[in-house]
Structure formats: structure tokens, C-alpha cells
Amino acid sequence: MRILIVEDDELVADAVGRGLAAAGFAVDRAPSAEAASAALATEHFDLAVIDVGLPGADGLALVRRLRDAGSSLPVLILTARDALAVKVQALDLGADDFLMKPFEQAELAARCRALIRRAHLKAHGEVSLGGLHIDVGGRRLRIGDAPVELTAREWLVLECLALNSGRIVTKERLQEAMASWDRPLTPNAVEVYVSRVRAKLGAAAIIRTVRGLGYRLDEAQAASGRHP
């Protein structure tokens, strides 16, 4: 899953970015509300982590701008301000959660996973597809009762397909989910990771290639014919 960090303090942004990347997210950074608006208008993100104290338009103004434009993007607010009024205003404007500085990286990552899961999944946070059981929040995959290990980028492929199971996901969408501005990924690399995940799923589920469109995750018994 891909997260945009909106933070003007380079040291804080770097620390938050490294922590979330270590937790398995693809991360990009924007130093202002204006830069964030430009990125969000042209690229897909699954979550925005926004600091309140931005130069120019602050983080609350950015949240207001997103919600006024009809965006349902999950937003987690970071703030060093301890005023109850700021927290209330952030939630009233449409923020989904907030976290006070300083905070533990593990808590931030857990909150990010919960917000993304809440936005995309059922309340229990697990996708079951035939013999495939995917716990997105816990990043656990089981085929029947057997656990299956995936690399970080393989997880990003599976998450993206599972969150859209039964629907076509374009190669570009997968590329965005796995890449970040400082870690580009080629379309050929996307094919490699899809192939690896497909091999690990075996007969439990099928990642179908839809020629010219992208990929779709289907139940094995629901898919007809052979897949590439």
C-alpha cells in the first residue's frame, strides 16, 4: 500500500518515511499542502499522513481541501499541538485519526494499517477467497492451514489484488502500489512480482491476466479455462 507523508521538517519526514517503509509500505513525501495537492491529483495513494504545522496552508486546510473536493482518502493527522480544539477541528474537517508527537513508529504503522483496512476491507480485516485466507492487517497469508511467506513487494501485489478481488487491477495501479518516487519500478518488474505471487498461491486462487487491461484475483473454482 502507498502512503503520502505531508511534512515540511525533513528530519521528521525522513524518520517517518523510513519507519513506514520498514513496515512494508511504499512511501512518498511532500513538503507542503500545495505539493501534496498536486501529487494527490495525479497519483494514487491509499493513505495520507499529514502534519498540522505546514508552511503556507496548514494540514487542516489540506484536509478541508480534500474533503471539499469529494476525496475519501484516509487521512491521519500528526500534531505537536496538545489542544483539544485542534483534535476536534481535525476530526470535524474529515480526518480519520490523529497522533500526537512524539510517537512510536510501531503505533504509527499500526494506525496506518487500520485506516487502510477500514477503508477497503470488511470490519474483521480478512479476505477469504476459496482456500486462500489473507489477513491484511497482520500481513499473514494462509492456504488452508498452511502459512505462506511473502516478501514485502509480493505482499503489496497481493494486498492490492485482494482489496479488489474479482475486479481488474491495472499494471499501472500495481506499479504505483509497489513503487515510490525514490524507488521506481518498471512494468517488467511488476510482471515478475505478479508471477512470483501467482506461483506461491498455486491452485488456491488464480491471478488472471486480462490482456491489455491488467490482473484479477479470482477463486480457483470460479475461473474458467487456463490462465497465463
Foldseek 3Di string as FASTA:
>chain_A
DEEEEAAQPPVVVVVLCVLLVVVLFAYDYHPALVRVVVCVVPADGQEYEAEQDGPDHGRLSSLLVCVVVVHPRAYEYEYQDPDPVVVVSSVVSPHDYYDYPPDDSVVVNLVSQQRSQVVQHDPVQWFDAQQWIARSSVRWIDRNNRTFDDDSLLSLVVVVQRSVAPDFDFLVNSQRRRHYPVRHDDSVVSVVSVVVNQVRCDQQWHFAADPPGHTHIHGNVVDDDDGD
